[in-house]
Protein backbone atom coordinates (compact mmCIF):
# COMPACT_ATOMS: atom_id res chain seq x y z
CA MET A 1 -128.03 17.51 71.53
CA ALA A 2 -127.83 16.29 67.98
CA THR A 3 -127.95 17.95 64.56
CA ARG A 4 -129.14 15.57 61.41
CA ILE A 5 -130.20 17.03 58.18
CA VAL A 6 -133.57 16.44 56.71
CA LEU A 7 -135.43 16.92 53.53
CA ASN A 8 -139.05 17.50 53.25
CA SER A 9 -138.65 17.35 49.37
CA THR A 10 -136.97 16.35 46.57
CA GLY A 11 -135.19 19.54 44.86
CA THR A 12 -132.26 21.81 44.21
CA ALA A 13 -129.57 21.83 47.37
CA ASP A 14 -131.79 24.04 49.32
CA VAL A 15 -134.25 21.31 50.34
CA MET A 16 -131.76 20.23 52.74
CA HIS A 17 -132.75 21.81 56.55
CA LEU A 18 -130.37 21.60 59.30
CA GLU A 19 -132.54 20.33 62.16
CA HIS A 20 -131.71 19.34 66.01
CA LEU A 21 -132.76 15.79 67.43
CA GLN A 22 -132.44 14.67 71.21
CA ALA A 23 -130.00 11.13 71.30
CA GLN A 24 -132.48 8.32 71.17
CA ALA A 25 -132.04 4.67 72.83
CA PRO A 26 -131.39 1.93 70.56
CA GLY A 27 -133.57 -0.64 70.12
CA PRO A 28 -132.52 -4.59 69.80
CA GLY A 29 -129.82 -4.78 67.32
CA GLN A 30 -129.12 -1.31 67.05
CA VAL A 31 -126.16 1.43 68.56
CA TRP A 32 -126.55 5.01 68.71
CA LEU A 33 -123.95 6.03 67.04
CA GLU A 34 -121.66 9.58 67.19
CA GLN A 35 -120.57 10.79 63.92
CA THR A 36 -117.50 13.18 63.10
CA ALA A 37 -117.30 12.44 59.85
CA MET A 38 -119.90 11.92 57.03
CA GLY A 39 -119.02 11.13 53.17
CA VAL A 40 -121.04 12.73 50.67
CA ASN A 41 -121.22 11.06 47.57
CA PRO A 42 -123.25 11.16 43.37
CA LEU A 43 -125.95 8.44 44.99
CA ASP A 44 -126.71 11.15 47.71
CA LEU A 45 -127.23 13.70 45.02
CA LEU A 46 -129.52 11.52 43.07
CA GLN A 47 -131.73 11.18 45.99
CA ARG A 48 -132.00 14.55 47.01
CA LYS A 49 -132.94 15.71 43.55
CA GLY A 50 -135.80 13.03 43.59
CA GLY A 51 -133.77 10.75 40.90
CA ALA A 52 -133.40 7.50 43.03
CA PRO A 53 -137.03 6.98 45.63
CA LEU A 54 -137.19 7.92 49.33
CA ASP A 55 -139.71 8.20 51.67
CA LEU A 56 -140.19 11.86 52.82
CA PRO A 57 -139.85 13.52 55.13
CA SER A 58 -136.25 11.76 55.09
CA GLY A 59 -132.34 11.99 56.24
CA LEU A 60 -130.24 11.61 53.63
CA GLY A 61 -126.11 9.88 53.30
CA LEU A 62 -125.22 6.56 52.92
CA GLU A 63 -121.59 7.03 54.82
CA GLY A 64 -120.48 7.50 58.22
CA ALA A 65 -117.64 7.12 61.12
CA GLY A 66 -117.60 7.77 64.59
CA ARG A 67 -117.88 6.18 67.89
CA VAL A 68 -120.79 3.85 69.45
CA ALA A 69 -122.01 5.30 72.43
CA ALA A 70 -124.74 3.22 73.69
CA VAL A 71 -125.78 -0.35 72.67
CA GLY A 72 -129.50 -2.10 72.40
CA ASP A 73 -130.37 -5.39 73.53
CA GLY A 74 -128.66 -8.02 71.58
CA VAL A 75 -125.67 -6.77 70.57
CA HIS A 76 -122.51 -8.50 70.55
CA ASP A 77 -120.09 -7.55 67.92
CA VAL A 78 -119.11 -3.72 69.10
CA GLN A 79 -119.26 -2.44 72.22
CA VAL A 80 -119.76 1.28 73.83
CA GLY A 81 -116.66 3.34 72.77
CA ASP A 82 -115.59 1.58 69.93
CA ARG A 83 -114.42 3.31 66.45
CA VAL A 84 -116.92 2.37 63.84
CA ALA A 85 -117.69 3.28 60.36
CA TYR A 86 -120.63 1.93 57.68
CA ALA A 87 -121.76 2.39 53.92
CA MET A 88 -125.05 1.50 52.76
CA GLY A 89 -128.73 2.37 54.30
CA PRO A 90 -130.90 2.78 55.98
CA VAL A 91 -130.42 6.37 54.84
CA GLY A 92 -130.03 9.21 57.73
CA GLY A 93 -125.37 9.37 57.14
CA TYR A 94 -125.65 13.26 57.43
CA ALA A 95 -126.05 13.50 61.31
CA SER A 96 -123.49 14.17 64.66
CA GLY A 97 -125.73 11.38 65.66
CA ARG A 98 -127.75 8.25 64.62
CA LEU A 99 -129.61 5.07 65.11
CA TYR A 100 -127.67 2.32 63.03
CA PRO A 101 -128.01 -1.86 62.34
CA ALA A 102 -124.78 -2.83 64.66
CA GLU A 103 -124.45 -5.83 62.42
CA ARG A 104 -123.40 -3.44 59.49
CA LEU A 105 -120.81 -1.92 61.42
CA VAL A 106 -117.17 -1.84 60.43
CA LYS A 107 -114.48 -1.60 63.47
CA LEU A 108 -112.09 0.48 62.63
CA PRO A 109 -108.21 -0.10 62.98
CA PRO A 110 -106.50 2.23 64.76
CA GLN A 111 -104.50 3.83 62.27
CA LEU A 112 -107.19 4.72 59.92
CA ASP A 113 -108.70 8.00 61.28
CA ASP A 114 -112.73 8.85 61.01
CA GLN A 115 -112.21 10.92 58.25
CA ALA A 116 -110.21 8.65 55.92
CA ALA A 117 -113.00 6.14 56.71
CA ALA A 118 -115.63 7.87 55.91
CA ALA A 119 -114.02 8.66 52.44
CA VAL A 120 -112.97 5.11 51.76
CA LEU A 121 -115.34 2.90 53.12
CA PHE A 122 -118.42 3.45 50.62
CA LYS A 123 -116.17 4.32 47.46
CA GLY A 124 -114.00 1.32 48.56
CA ILE A 125 -116.56 -1.08 48.76
CA THR A 126 -117.38 -0.09 44.86
CA ALA A 127 -114.30 0.02 43.65
CA GLN A 128 -113.63 -4.08 45.23
CA TYR A 129 -116.60 -5.45 44.14
CA LEU A 130 -116.15 -4.18 40.66
CA LEU A 131 -113.11 -5.05 40.31
CA LYS A 132 -113.20 -8.16 42.10
CA THR A 133 -116.72 -9.34 41.20
CA THR A 134 -118.22 -7.59 38.57
CA TYR A 135 -115.65 -8.37 36.08
CA ALA A 136 -112.13 -9.94 37.95
CA VAL A 137 -109.37 -7.83 36.91
CA GLY A 138 -106.11 -9.14 36.81
CA PRO A 139 -102.52 -9.92 35.17
CA GLY A 140 -103.29 -9.14 31.38
CA SER A 141 -106.81 -7.39 31.83
CA GLN A 142 -107.47 -3.93 29.96
CA VAL A 143 -109.71 -1.75 31.27
CA LEU A 144 -111.06 1.32 30.59
CA LEU A 145 -112.13 3.74 33.65
CA TYR A 146 -114.03 6.51 33.08
CA GLY A 147 -113.71 9.36 36.25
CA ALA A 148 -110.34 8.43 36.58
CA ALA A 149 -109.36 11.33 38.21
CA GLY A 150 -112.10 11.60 40.79
CA ALA A 151 -112.53 10.14 44.09
CA LEU A 152 -113.92 6.71 43.03
CA GLY A 153 -111.38 6.88 40.18
CA GLN A 154 -108.79 7.53 42.42
CA LEU A 155 -108.80 4.32 43.92
CA MET A 156 -110.30 1.73 40.97
CA ALA A 157 -106.86 3.07 39.29
CA PRO A 158 -104.35 1.86 41.40
CA TRP A 159 -106.32 -0.92 42.65
CA ALA A 160 -107.29 -2.63 39.02
CA ARG A 161 -103.00 -1.69 38.38
CA HIS A 162 -101.93 -3.89 41.59
CA LEU A 163 -104.26 -6.76 40.11
CA GLY A 164 -101.73 -6.30 36.83
CA ALA A 165 -104.27 -4.65 34.53
CA THR A 166 -103.19 -1.90 32.00
CA VAL A 167 -105.43 1.11 33.15
CA ILE A 168 -106.70 3.56 30.53
CA GLY A 169 -108.26 6.41 32.05
CA VAL A 170 -110.85 8.79 31.14
CA VAL A 171 -111.10 12.41 32.16
CA SER A 172 -113.52 15.37 31.41
CA ARG A 173 -110.96 18.12 31.00
CA PRO A 174 -107.01 18.74 29.89
CA GLN A 175 -106.33 19.77 33.72
CA SER A 176 -107.21 16.39 35.27
CA VAL A 177 -104.63 14.56 33.72
CA ALA A 178 -102.20 14.56 35.93
CA ARG A 179 -104.42 13.90 38.88
CA ALA A 180 -105.28 10.50 36.88
CA GLN A 181 -101.64 9.79 36.15
CA ALA A 182 -100.51 10.15 39.79
CA ALA A 183 -103.51 7.79 41.17
CA GLY A 184 -102.09 4.88 38.75
CA CYS A 185 -102.92 5.29 35.48
CA HIS A 186 -100.97 4.14 31.90
CA HIS A 187 -102.63 6.04 29.59
CA VAL A 188 -104.99 9.10 29.67
CA LEU A 189 -107.55 10.10 27.70
CA VAL A 190 -109.84 13.52 27.86
CA PHE A 191 -112.84 12.81 27.20
CA ASP A 192 -115.14 13.56 23.19
CA ALA A 193 -117.35 10.79 22.39
CA ALA A 194 -116.18 10.79 18.39
CA THR A 195 -112.67 10.14 18.85
CA LEU A 196 -112.46 8.02 22.45
CA ALA A 197 -113.00 4.63 21.11
CA GLY A 198 -110.45 5.46 18.13
CA GLN A 199 -108.08 6.07 20.90
CA VAL A 200 -108.60 3.50 22.52
CA ARG A 201 -108.08 1.34 19.64
CA GLU A 202 -104.65 2.46 18.90
CA LEU A 203 -104.00 1.73 22.68
CA THR A 204 -104.82 -1.72 22.17
CA GLN A 205 -103.25 -2.73 18.78
CA GLY A 206 -107.12 -2.71 17.53
CA GLN A 207 -108.44 -5.32 19.61
CA GLY A 208 -110.21 -3.10 22.28
CA VAL A 209 -110.29 -3.01 26.13
CA ASP A 210 -111.42 -6.27 27.97
CA VAL A 211 -114.00 -4.13 30.47
CA VAL A 212 -115.52 -0.48 30.26
CA TYR A 213 -116.63 1.05 33.72
CA ASP A 214 -118.82 4.02 32.59
CA CYS A 215 -119.85 6.09 35.14
CA VAL A 216 -121.17 8.39 32.48
CA GLY A 217 -123.65 7.04 31.18
CA LYS A 218 -125.76 9.46 28.50
CA VAL A 219 -123.01 10.91 26.49
CA SER A 220 -120.52 7.89 26.91
CA LEU A 221 -122.71 4.99 26.20
CA GLN A 222 -121.80 4.51 21.99
CA ALA A 223 -118.33 5.13 22.73
CA SER A 224 -117.92 2.62 25.39
CA LEU A 225 -119.21 -0.06 23.51
CA ASP A 226 -117.58 0.90 20.34
CA SER A 227 -114.11 0.43 22.77
CA LEU A 228 -114.81 -2.94 23.76
CA ARG A 229 -112.85 -6.28 22.37
CA VAL A 230 -114.93 -8.84 21.18
CA ARG A 231 -116.87 -10.33 24.21
CA GLY A 232 -115.88 -7.41 26.31
CA LEU A 233 -118.01 -6.01 28.97
CA LEU A 234 -119.71 -3.01 29.36
CA VAL A 235 -120.04 -1.79 33.28
CA SER A 236 -122.29 0.84 33.06
CA PHE A 237 -122.71 2.16 37.03
CA GLY A 238 -123.24 5.75 36.76
CA GLY A 239 -125.06 8.43 34.91
CA THR A 240 -122.93 11.69 36.06
CA SER A 241 -124.47 13.34 32.32
CA GLY A 242 -127.96 11.30 33.08
CA ALA A 243 -129.14 8.18 32.52
CA PRO A 244 -127.44 5.70 29.41
CA ALA A 245 -130.47 4.95 26.94
CA ALA A 246 -131.65 1.70 26.28
CA ILE A 247 -129.58 -0.76 23.60
CA GLU A 248 -131.53 -3.19 21.19
CA VAL A 249 -129.86 -6.90 22.09
CA ALA A 250 -129.33 -7.26 19.13
CA THR A 251 -126.81 -4.15 18.94
CA LEU A 252 -124.79 -6.44 21.35
CA ASN A 253 -124.44 -9.16 18.76
CA ALA A 254 -123.68 -6.83 16.31
CA LYS A 255 -120.62 -5.16 17.99
CA GLY A 256 -118.90 -8.33 18.80
CA SER A 257 -121.16 -10.44 21.07
CA LEU A 258 -120.96 -8.18 23.89
CA TYR A 259 -121.46 -8.40 27.40
CA LEU A 260 -123.62 -5.93 29.28
CA THR A 261 -124.32 -5.18 33.22
CA ARG A 262 -125.66 -2.34 35.28
CA PRO A 263 -124.77 -3.15 38.98
CA SER A 264 -125.55 -1.89 42.02
CA LEU A 265 -123.90 -1.49 45.74
CA ALA A 266 -126.69 -3.05 47.49
CA ALA A 267 -127.04 -6.26 45.40
CA HIS A 268 -123.03 -6.69 46.43
CA THR A 269 -123.49 -5.84 49.82
CA ARG A 270 -127.04 -8.14 50.48
CA THR A 271 -125.65 -10.09 53.09
CA VAL A 272 -124.06 -9.15 56.57
CA ASP A 273 -121.51 -11.69 55.33
CA GLU A 274 -120.92 -10.42 52.19
CA TYR A 275 -120.42 -6.93 53.19
CA GLN A 276 -118.35 -7.30 56.15
CA GLN A 277 -115.93 -9.62 53.74
CA ARG A 278 -116.00 -6.33 51.30
CA ALA A 279 -115.37 -4.33 53.75
CA ALA A 280 -112.91 -6.10 55.04
CA ASP A 281 -111.13 -6.43 51.75
CA VAL A 282 -110.99 -2.78 51.59
CA LEU A 283 -109.41 -2.15 55.42
CA ALA A 284 -106.96 -4.53 53.90
CA ALA A 285 -106.04 -2.77 50.82
CA VAL A 286 -105.82 0.59 52.66
CA ALA A 287 -103.13 -1.07 55.32
CA GLU A 288 -101.48 -2.31 52.61
CA GLY A 289 -101.06 0.69 51.14
CA ILE A 290 -102.77 -0.67 47.52
CA ILE A 291 -105.36 2.41 48.27
CA GLN A 292 -105.15 5.58 50.04
CA PRO A 293 -108.27 7.64 51.32
CA ARG A 294 -108.14 11.09 49.60
CA VAL A 295 -110.00 14.10 51.22
CA TRP A 296 -110.19 17.22 48.53
CA ARG A 297 -112.66 18.92 51.22
CA ARG A 298 -114.00 18.91 54.85
CA TYR A 299 -117.38 20.97 55.15
CA PRO A 300 -119.68 21.71 58.48
CA LEU A 301 -122.82 19.41 58.71
CA ALA A 302 -124.70 22.76 58.33
CA GLU A 303 -123.04 23.26 55.14
CA ALA A 304 -124.04 20.00 53.17
CA ALA A 305 -125.67 22.02 50.37
CA ARG A 306 -122.02 23.71 49.63
CA ALA A 307 -120.60 20.20 49.19
CA HIS A 308 -123.40 19.42 46.79
CA GLY A 309 -123.04 22.01 44.72
CA ASP A 310 -118.83 21.35 44.68
CA LEU A 311 -119.86 17.70 43.42
CA GLU A 312 -122.74 18.97 41.22
CA GLN A 313 -120.48 21.25 39.59
CA GLY A 314 -117.52 18.62 39.22
CA LEU A 315 -114.99 20.38 41.23
CA SER A 316 -113.90 17.97 43.34
CA GLU A 317 -110.28 16.45 43.37
CA GLY A 318 -111.27 13.42 45.56
CA ALA A 319 -113.63 12.91 48.45
CA LEU A 320 -115.98 14.94 50.28
CA ILE A 321 -116.64 14.75 53.54
CA LEU A 322 -118.68 16.44 56.39
CA THR A 323 -118.26 16.72 59.62
CA ALA A 324 -119.63 17.22 62.89
């Protein structure tokens, strides 16, 4: 019998409940997936709190890895016994077994275990589209990367460096500087909204950076805008400090004809082909040693609330994994 996390309401971590369920026969285009590892992501916390829409009651989780146990009609790309992983919906990844669309499964190479796959696929695809589509990072690019010591930052920093960029990392506390440096940042700054832009200008000979990847949001918005070069791009893709404030269009002009975007993973994996291409690029980057999955801590599925608590308190130093 499988188990899964279910929400009947949104709120604090105690709204997550473990329940048992029977294995279900997959319908057309589906598989029944027996999962061994599930990734925990900031978006999970946002959905659990009610900051992103969920139709209740609902499962939770958007990333997992395991083995195909049964296939429905019309499934040809995977077969029973295949090791696979996935990123994005449908929601319900916090489960030891679940139904999932076969076309959005990614076959795993033998050298990548389930826990590493669950740690890297969702975050890796995020890093891939941010670095290669949202802004085409390349030789000579100057990048300002918030959260450089976190799970996503530890993928983006070495990948951006591999692409030829100079990476200026931003961390929230001095204890994280060494970890950001080890991830591949050329320079690491401890965040102070009053001084960050000036420090960035000093490191870039007064020019500012080409692109800012800002996952912090509310408290960092002004510093991010002021760190950009003329016609630079602010990529606001998270909100760990709260949603960023609205920006007057005239402000972008006054600060040097700046560009601003608020991208999402869903918009960058909209078609199956695009999703599979990005996933393949992530797996290739892992195989080549450009990026490395880093599991910080593992939790039994029944302790999902503890995993959420550690992520909310900023205790994690890499990816968090639930195990079944």
